[in-house]
Amino acid sequence: MKYCPDCGGTIALRIPDDDNRVRHICTSCNRIHYQNPKLVIGAIPAWEDKVLLCRRAIEPQYGKWTLPGGFMENGESTAQAAMRETLEEASARIAIIDLYSMYSLPYIDQVHLLFRAELLDMDFSPGHESLEVRLFSEAEIPWDELAFRPVRYSLEHYFAERKSGRFTLHMGELAPVAAATAI
């Protein structure tokens, strides 16, 4: 950031009083412009013993499979974000059950939240960010073609816990990996 989006003044990097981090501060209006992690919100839409996956039509990870999800927008709740992303990417309507997993990825300034959800009907189709959408049983999941580690870990936990019917919240912090398997 070089210029203040509020007044157009020049931005300086410095530590504000009573803070411990370098921040973007306008030299004209003195506004502090905080930069915080992005929330990536998604769902595990289930229908009977299957989950709905989307094959990505965008980068990163073009052509790989993922759960419907994306960046949370201002003015929406996390549950609303999961429902919106599922509708946008899979044209599917869901009912949120509960928060299922939360993974922090501090190396890319993201937090991924995935909700367990029920598909409300079988009316789904690819949205503009998906090449295709499909229901998969555990045995059919294309494990080697999954796009993101939080998705893989969440699906592994989900299918293991589905057998007992007892679901718990999963949390973790993911470190960077080699470029070939990033995120």
Foldseek 3Di string as FASTA:
>chain_A
DAADPVPRAGWDWDADPPGDHTFTAGPPPRDTDDDAFWEKAEEQEDDVQWTKWFQFCDDDLHRFIFGQIGTDDPPDDSVVRHQVSCCQAKVWGKDFDAWAEWEAAVVRRYIYTYTYIYTPDPDTFGHPGGPTMDIDHPVRPPLVRHQADVRNVSVVQCNVCVVVPDGDYYYYYDYADPPVRGD
